[in-house]
Protein backbone atom coordinates (compact mmCIF):
# COMPACT_ATOMS: atom_id res chain seq x y z
CA MET A 1 13.98 -13.66 -35.57
CA ASP A 2 17.33 -15.50 -35.46
CA LYS A 3 19.00 -17.21 -32.55
CA ALA A 4 21.12 -14.19 -31.55
CA GLN A 5 18.07 -11.94 -31.49
CA ALA A 6 16.17 -14.47 -29.40
CA TYR A 7 18.93 -14.49 -26.77
CA ALA A 8 18.97 -10.68 -26.81
CA VAL A 9 15.19 -10.44 -26.34
CA LEU A 10 15.31 -12.80 -23.34
CA ARG A 11 18.38 -10.92 -22.00
CA ILE A 12 20.50 -14.02 -21.58
CA GLU A 13 23.86 -15.17 -22.91
CA PRO A 14 24.18 -17.73 -25.76
CA GLY A 15 24.65 -21.26 -24.53
CA CYS A 16 22.38 -20.91 -21.50
CA THR A 17 20.68 -23.98 -20.12
CA GLN A 18 16.98 -24.66 -20.56
CA GLU A 19 16.37 -23.81 -16.90
CA GLU A 20 17.97 -20.39 -17.37
CA ILE A 21 15.89 -19.81 -20.50
CA LYS A 22 12.75 -20.80 -18.61
CA GLU A 23 13.56 -18.50 -15.67
CA ALA A 24 14.30 -15.56 -17.97
CA TYR A 25 11.04 -16.11 -19.83
CA ALA A 26 9.02 -16.32 -16.61
CA ALA A 27 10.60 -13.13 -15.23
CA LEU A 28 9.99 -11.13 -18.40
CA SER A 29 6.43 -12.46 -18.68
CA ARG A 30 5.68 -11.01 -15.26
CA GLN A 31 7.30 -7.70 -16.17
CA TYR A 32 5.60 -7.31 -19.55
CA HIS A 33 1.97 -8.29 -19.09
CA PRO A 34 0.30 -9.22 -22.43
CA GLU A 35 -2.58 -6.78 -21.87
CA GLU A 36 -0.30 -3.81 -21.15
CA TYR A 37 2.65 -4.65 -23.43
CA PRO A 38 1.26 -6.86 -26.23
CA GLU A 39 4.14 -6.26 -28.68
CA GLU A 40 6.92 -6.80 -26.12
CA PHE A 41 5.19 -9.91 -24.76
CA GLN A 42 4.81 -11.35 -28.27
CA GLN A 43 8.53 -10.85 -28.95
CA ILE A 44 9.44 -12.50 -25.65
CA HIS A 45 7.12 -15.41 -26.37
CA ASP A 46 8.46 -15.86 -29.93
CA ALA A 47 12.06 -15.77 -28.72
CA TYR A 48 11.34 -18.30 -25.99
CA ARG A 49 9.47 -20.59 -28.38
CA MET A 50 12.29 -20.42 -30.91
CA LEU A 51 15.01 -21.32 -28.39
CA ARG A 52 12.91 -24.17 -27.03
CA ARG A 53 12.27 -25.48 -30.53
CA ARG A 54 15.93 -25.32 -31.48
CA GLU A 55 16.79 -27.28 -28.36
CA GLN A 56 14.09 -29.84 -29.15
CA ARG A 57 15.33 -30.05 -32.74
CA GLN A 58 18.90 -30.72 -31.57
CA HIS A 59 17.72 -33.54 -29.32
CA THR A 60 15.72 -34.98 -32.21
CA ILE A 61 18.24 -34.56 -35.07
CA HIS A 62 21.47 -35.58 -33.31
CA PRO A 63 20.52 -39.25 -33.10
CA VAL A 64 20.07 -39.17 -36.88
CA THR A 65 23.59 -37.94 -37.58
CA VAL A 66 25.39 -40.00 -34.96
CA ALA A 67 23.51 -43.24 -34.56
CA GLY A 68 24.84 -45.02 -37.68
CA THR A 69 23.39 -48.22 -39.15
CA LYS A 70 22.90 -50.13 -35.90
CA GLU A 71 19.57 -48.49 -34.95
CA THR A 72 16.31 -50.42 -34.78
CA ASP A 73 13.78 -50.44 -37.58
CA SER A 74 11.48 -48.01 -35.79
CA GLN A 75 14.34 -45.52 -35.25
CA SER A 76 15.28 -45.79 -38.93
CA ALA A 77 11.72 -44.96 -39.89
CA ASP A 78 11.81 -41.86 -37.71
CA ILE A 79 15.14 -40.86 -39.24
CA ASN A 80 13.78 -41.21 -42.75
CA ALA A 81 10.76 -39.11 -41.86
CA LEU A 82 12.94 -36.35 -40.46
CA GLU A 83 15.26 -36.48 -43.45
CA GLU A 84 12.33 -35.99 -45.79
CA THR A 85 11.15 -32.87 -43.92
CA GLU A 86 14.52 -31.34 -42.94
CA LEU A 87 17.29 -32.36 -45.30
CA GLN A 88 15.50 -31.48 -48.53
CA PRO A 89 15.52 -27.67 -47.86
CA VAL A 90 19.24 -27.89 -47.06
CA GLU A 91 19.97 -29.42 -50.48
CA VAL A 92 18.09 -26.61 -52.22
CA ASN A 93 19.97 -23.94 -50.29
CA VAL A 94 23.31 -25.55 -51.09
CA THR A 95 22.56 -25.42 -54.82
CA GLU A 96 21.94 -21.71 -54.39
CA GLU A 97 25.40 -21.37 -52.73
CA ALA A 98 24.00 -19.90 -49.49
CA ASP A 99 25.71 -19.98 -46.14
CA PRO A 100 25.32 -23.55 -44.79
CA GLU A 101 24.79 -22.49 -41.16
CA THR A 102 22.33 -19.71 -42.03
CA SER A 103 20.42 -21.87 -44.46
CA SER A 104 20.23 -24.71 -42.00
CA GLY A 105 18.96 -22.37 -39.27
CA VAL A 106 16.22 -20.87 -41.46
CA SER A 107 15.12 -24.29 -42.63
CA ALA A 108 14.90 -25.54 -39.09
CA GLU A 109 12.77 -22.59 -38.05
CA GLN A 110 10.41 -23.02 -41.01
CA GLU A 111 10.17 -26.75 -40.45
CA LEU A 112 9.48 -26.35 -36.73
CA GLU A 113 6.87 -23.66 -37.40
CA GLU A 114 5.06 -26.07 -39.73
CA GLN A 115 5.31 -28.81 -37.11
CA THR A 116 3.72 -26.52 -34.51
CA GLU A 117 0.86 -25.62 -36.82
CA ASN A 118 0.39 -29.31 -37.77
CA PRO A 119 1.17 -31.31 -34.62
CA GLU A 120 -0.06 -34.56 -36.16
CA GLN A 121 2.85 -34.45 -38.62
CA SER A 122 5.52 -34.08 -35.90
CA GLU A 123 4.48 -36.18 -32.94
CA ALA A 124 8.12 -37.04 -32.27
CA VAL A 125 8.93 -33.43 -31.26
CA PRO A 126 8.00 -32.80 -27.58
CA GLN A 127 6.01 -29.64 -26.84
CA TYR A 128 6.61 -27.34 -23.87
CA ASP A 129 3.72 -27.03 -21.43
CA PHE A 130 3.17 -23.26 -21.32
CA ASP A 131 0.15 -23.59 -19.02
CA GLU A 132 2.32 -25.24 -16.39
CA VAL A 133 4.59 -22.18 -16.23
CA ILE A 134 1.60 -19.87 -15.84
CA GLU A 135 0.11 -22.04 -13.09
CA GLU A 136 3.43 -22.13 -11.27
CA GLU A 137 3.68 -18.34 -11.39
CA GLN A 138 0.13 -18.03 -10.10
CA ARG A 139 0.91 -20.34 -7.20
CA GLU A 140 3.96 -18.25 -6.30
CA GLU A 141 1.90 -15.05 -6.40
CA GLU A 142 -0.77 -16.60 -4.17
CA GLN A 143 1.84 -17.70 -1.63
CA LYS A 144 3.35 -14.21 -1.69
CA GLN A 145 -0.05 -12.63 -1.05
CA ILE A 146 -0.75 -15.01 1.84
CA TYR A 147 2.60 -14.10 3.42
CA PHE A 148 1.98 -10.34 3.23
CA ILE A 149 -1.61 -10.71 4.48
CA GLN A 150 -0.38 -12.58 7.55
CA LYS A 151 2.40 -10.04 8.11
CA ALA A 152 0.01 -7.09 7.79
CA LEU A 153 -2.50 -8.64 10.20
CA ILE A 154 0.19 -9.31 12.81
CA GLU A 155 1.37 -5.71 12.60
CA MET A 156 -2.21 -4.45 12.90
CA GLU A 157 -2.70 -6.56 16.03
CA MET A 158 0.31 -4.78 17.52
CA LEU A 159 -1.08 -1.35 16.62
CA LEU A 160 -4.38 -2.15 18.31
CA LYS A 161 -2.68 -2.78 21.65
CA PRO A 162 -3.15 -0.08 24.34
CA GLN A 163 0.39 1.28 24.12
CA TYR A 164 0.06 2.00 20.39
CA CYS A 165 -3.64 2.45 19.63
CA ASN A 166 -3.58 6.21 20.35
CA LYS A 167 -0.75 7.03 17.95
CA VAL A 168 -2.31 8.26 14.72
CA LYS A 169 1.07 8.49 12.97
CA LEU A 170 1.64 4.76 13.32
CA PHE A 171 -1.65 4.00 11.59
CA GLN A 172 -0.90 6.53 8.86
CA GLU A 173 2.51 4.95 8.23
CA TYR A 174 0.93 1.49 8.20
CA PHE A 175 -1.50 2.40 5.43
CA ARG A 176 1.27 4.11 3.44
CA LYS A 177 3.60 1.10 3.30
CA ALA A 178 4.30 0.14 -0.32
CA GLU A 179 4.56 -3.59 0.41
CA TYR A 180 0.99 -3.63 1.79
CA GLN A 181 -0.78 -1.61 -0.91
CA GLU A 182 -1.76 -4.64 -2.97
CA ILE A 183 -3.17 -6.72 -0.12
CA LEU A 184 -4.80 -4.02 2.04
CA LYS A 185 -7.74 -3.85 -0.37
CA GLN A 186 -8.09 -7.59 -0.84
CA PRO A 187 -11.49 -8.80 0.46
CA VAL A 188 -9.77 -11.57 2.45
CA TYR A 189 -7.63 -9.09 4.37
CA MET A 190 -10.48 -6.62 4.83
CA GLY A 191 -12.67 -9.31 6.40
CA MET A 192 -9.96 -10.30 8.90
CA PHE A 193 -9.20 -6.64 9.60
CA ALA A 194 -12.88 -6.10 10.40
CA GLU A 195 -12.75 -8.88 13.00
CA LEU A 196 -9.79 -7.17 14.70
CA LEU A 197 -11.59 -3.83 14.78
CA GLU A 198 -14.76 -5.25 16.33
CA ASN A 199 -13.20 -5.29 19.80
CA SER A 200 -11.07 -2.17 19.34
CA ARG A 201 -11.51 1.29 20.76
CA LEU A 202 -9.61 3.84 18.73
CA LYS A 203 -9.62 7.59 18.39
CA PRO A 204 -12.24 9.00 16.01
CA VAL A 205 -9.47 10.45 13.85
CA ILE A 206 -8.03 6.96 13.32
CA TYR A 207 -11.40 5.57 12.24
CA ASP A 208 -11.75 8.55 9.90
CA HIS A 209 -8.35 7.81 8.39
CA ILE A 210 -9.30 4.18 7.74
CA ILE A 211 -12.62 5.20 6.18
CA ASP A 212 -10.89 7.74 3.95
CA TYR A 213 -8.25 5.20 2.89
CA TYR A 214 -10.89 2.75 1.67
CA ARG A 215 -13.08 5.57 0.33
CA PHE A 216 -16.16 4.08 1.96
CA ARG A 217 -18.11 7.32 2.23
CA GLY A 218 -21.07 7.34 -0.14
CA LEU A 219 -20.76 3.64 -1.06
CA ASN A 220 -23.36 0.91 -0.65
CA PRO A 221 -22.14 -2.19 1.24
CA GLU A 222 -24.59 -4.33 -0.71
CA ASP A 223 -22.46 -3.77 -3.81
CA MET A 224 -19.22 -4.89 -2.12
CA TYR A 225 -17.53 -8.23 -1.62
CA GLU A 226 -18.24 -9.96 1.67
CA GLY A 227 -14.97 -8.95 3.37
CA ALA A 228 -15.22 -5.32 2.26
CA ALA A 229 -18.87 -5.09 3.32
CA LYS A 230 -17.98 -6.50 6.74
CA LEU A 231 -15.29 -3.86 7.26
CA TYR A 232 -17.69 -1.14 6.08
CA ARG A 233 -20.31 -2.13 8.67
CA VAL A 234 -17.79 -2.28 11.52
CA LEU A 235 -16.46 1.19 10.70
CA ASP A 236 -19.99 2.52 10.29
CA GLU A 237 -20.86 1.21 13.75
CA LYS A 238 -17.69 2.57 15.35
CA ARG A 239 -17.58 5.97 13.71
CA GLY A 240 -20.28 6.47 11.10
CA MET A 241 -19.77 7.22 7.45
CA LYS A 242 -20.84 10.86 7.57
CA LYS A 243 -17.77 13.06 7.79
CA LYS A 244 -17.61 15.02 11.02
CA LYS A 245 -16.82 18.68 10.33
CA THR A 246 -15.23 19.40 13.69
CA GLY A 247 -12.48 21.55 12.21
CA THR A 248 -14.97 23.91 10.59
CA LEU A 249 -16.98 24.23 13.81
CA GLN A 250 -13.89 25.04 15.83
CA THR A 251 -12.82 27.70 13.36
CA VAL A 252 -16.27 29.30 13.44
CA ILE A 253 -16.23 29.41 17.25
CA LEU A 254 -12.79 31.01 17.34
CA VAL A 255 -13.61 33.60 14.66
CA GLY A 256 -16.91 34.41 16.39
CA ALA A 257 -15.16 34.94 19.71
CA VAL A 258 -12.57 37.27 18.20
CA ALA A 259 -15.25 39.25 16.32
CA GLY A 260 -17.29 39.56 19.52
CA VAL A 261 -14.30 40.94 21.39
CA ARG A 262 -13.64 43.56 18.73
CA ALA A 263 -17.29 44.64 18.63
CA GLY A 264 -17.51 44.78 22.41
CA THR A 265 -14.38 46.87 22.85
CA ARG A 266 -15.65 49.40 20.31
CA SER A 267 -19.16 49.77 21.73
CA VAL A 268 -18.46 49.56 25.44
CA SER A 269 -16.02 51.70 27.37
CA SER A 270 -13.43 49.74 29.29
CA ASP A 271 -13.85 52.09 32.23
CA SER A 272 -17.51 51.19 32.75
CA GLY A 273 -18.66 48.15 34.66
CA ALA A 274 -20.26 46.60 31.59
CA GLY A 275 -17.07 47.08 29.61
CA LYS A 276 -14.96 45.35 32.24
CA LEU A 277 -17.39 42.45 32.49
CA PHE A 278 -17.49 42.01 28.73
CA GLY A 279 -13.70 42.08 28.49
CA PHE A 280 -13.42 39.53 31.29
CA LEU A 281 -15.84 37.10 29.61
CA ALA A 282 -14.36 37.62 26.13
CA VAL A 283 -10.81 36.85 27.26
CA LEU A 284 -12.01 33.82 29.20
CA VAL A 285 -13.82 32.44 26.12
CA ILE A 286 -10.82 33.01 23.86
CA VAL A 287 -8.40 31.32 26.27
CA ILE A 288 -10.69 28.30 26.66
CA ALA A 289 -11.14 28.05 22.86
CA LEU A 290 -7.40 28.20 22.25
CA MET A 291 -6.72 25.54 24.87
CA PHE A 292 -9.39 23.31 23.34
CA LEU A 293 -7.95 23.65 19.83
CA LEU A 294 -4.44 22.96 21.10
CA TYR A 295 -5.60 19.88 22.95
CA ARG A 296 -7.39 18.57 19.83
CA GLN A 297 -4.27 18.93 17.72
CA LEU A 298 -2.07 17.20 20.28
CA TYR A 299 -4.63 14.46 20.79
CA LYS A 300 -4.34 13.39 17.14
CA ASN A 301 -0.85 12.00 17.60
CA HIS A 302 -0.55 11.50 21.35
CA SER A 303 -2.41 9.99 24.25
CA GLY A 304 -5.07 11.97 26.08
CA LEU A 305 -2.94 12.42 29.21
CA PHE A 306 0.04 13.69 27.24
CA ALA A 307 -2.13 16.16 25.32
CA GLN A 308 -3.68 17.43 28.56
CA ALA A 309 -0.28 17.79 30.23
CA ILE A 310 1.14 19.91 27.40
CA THR A 311 -2.00 22.04 27.26
CA ALA A 312 -1.95 22.62 31.02
CA VAL A 313 1.73 23.60 30.98
CA LEU A 314 1.17 26.09 28.15
CA LEU A 315 -1.84 27.57 29.96
CA THR A 316 0.15 28.03 33.16
CA VAL A 317 3.18 29.55 31.44
CA SER A 318 1.10 31.88 29.25
CA GLN A 319 -0.92 33.21 32.19
CA PHE A 320 2.25 33.78 34.20
CA ILE A 321 3.61 35.90 31.33
CA VAL A 322 0.29 37.80 31.09
CA LEU A 323 0.32 38.37 34.85
CA MET A 324 3.84 39.77 34.77
CA GLY A 325 3.07 42.07 31.83
CA ASP A 326 -0.46 43.04 32.90
CA PHE A 327 -1.68 42.43 29.32
CA TYR A 328 -5.36 42.11 30.30
CA ALA A 329 -5.53 45.65 31.73
CA PRO A 330 -6.58 47.41 28.46
CA LEU A 331 -9.61 45.12 28.13
CA MET A 332 -10.92 44.96 31.69
CA GLY A 333 -8.79 47.13 33.91
CA THR A 334 -5.81 46.29 36.05
CA ASP A 335 -7.65 44.67 38.93
CA ALA A 336 -9.92 42.49 36.80
CA GLY A 337 -7.08 41.57 34.43
CA THR A 338 -4.81 40.57 37.27
CA GLY A 339 -7.59 38.53 38.88
CA LEU A 340 -8.33 36.62 35.66
CA ALA A 341 -4.65 35.87 35.01
CA VAL A 342 -4.25 34.55 38.56
CA ILE A 343 -7.33 32.34 38.24
CA LEU A 344 -6.18 30.84 34.93
CA PHE A 345 -2.64 30.40 36.29
CA LEU A 346 -3.93 28.46 39.30
CA LEU A 347 -6.25 26.37 37.12
CA GLY A 348 -3.29 25.44 34.93
CA GLY A 349 -1.26 24.39 37.96
CA VAL A 350 -4.08 22.26 39.38
CA TRP A 351 -4.58 20.71 35.95
CA ILE A 352 -0.89 19.72 35.77
CA ILE A 353 -1.06 18.08 39.19
CA GLY A 354 -4.22 16.17 38.26
CA VAL A 355 -2.72 14.88 35.03
CA GLY A 356 0.41 13.78 36.86
CA ILE A 357 -1.61 11.79 39.40
CA ALA A 358 -3.67 10.17 36.64
CA ALA A 359 -0.50 9.19 34.75
CA VAL A 360 1.00 7.54 37.85
CA VAL A 361 -2.20 5.58 38.54
CA LYS A 362 -2.41 4.43 34.94
CA LYS A 363 1.21 3.29 35.01
CA LEU A 364 0.67 1.29 38.21
CA LEU A 365 -2.40 -0.40 36.76
CA PHE A 366 -0.47 -1.30 33.63
CA LEU A 367 2.37 -2.82 35.66
CA LYS A 368 -0.07 -4.95 37.67
CA LYS A 369 -1.41 -6.46 34.45
């Protein structure tokens, strides 16, 4: 590898300072990890070592060519030693009529390679402390991790406050942030996160989301680091690690109710008393099941009062439409259908009023705090 190739590998311009060479090498070393890119890392390391050696050689050889005859005896001895190891290859290349600059460059590289392999023969050439660069990079990475851990914990403290703790979307966005992905699964962060959750009261769906993010289900806390095990135990106490199959149960209830209605309408005449009673109960069960499912879906991303308010409004509006169209009549007769629609309509209205009063009281209590 010649000097031009070395500059190209490090992606810098010829004539750069040693600080620029060092910064380029450090940046590329982070980008091309030796375990993942062994060939690229070796080329980067060779190019960096070559440019550093050429710089060291220039600092060492220039005093020989410029100093003259007024140097001390010790300097003269060093000059003679360098002349014996460096100038002799130049004389051989000149006799072969090679390019002086190219020959000198190759000789310098060969000579410096031998000096690296035999450091006792070239104590005058200073060596670059590679370990110091690695340690400096490690310190920077540690400081970066500490910064993001503190930032993530502060944001989590905000999410756990009453005005935000019911919003599932905010927690989902938090755990999707790219800048947090590296530190969210660090044992240090997980231990501090566990301390924040100890005094929290979140929705079950939020606890489930956290458990699923860390993939705690089926794991043994005894095999985890201390911080991870602490978070596991807090989540296990708050929610439990067994997945709750509420969605499946709700679907089964709804399907069973619909199937029961179909079977009842086929086997019982709507004109009979039993048929009217069955239709009345079937419609009531279906309406309650639908309202429950709607509330559960709204509750995932909104507060309980907001979910109840929307559900109550939809119940009231839907029953008003049913009342105007007399849609319950085929199942239970006109009188029974009208009576059920009126009852559900009134229940929806009372529900709206109750939710409104609860919201006002909650707001007043919050303002007093």
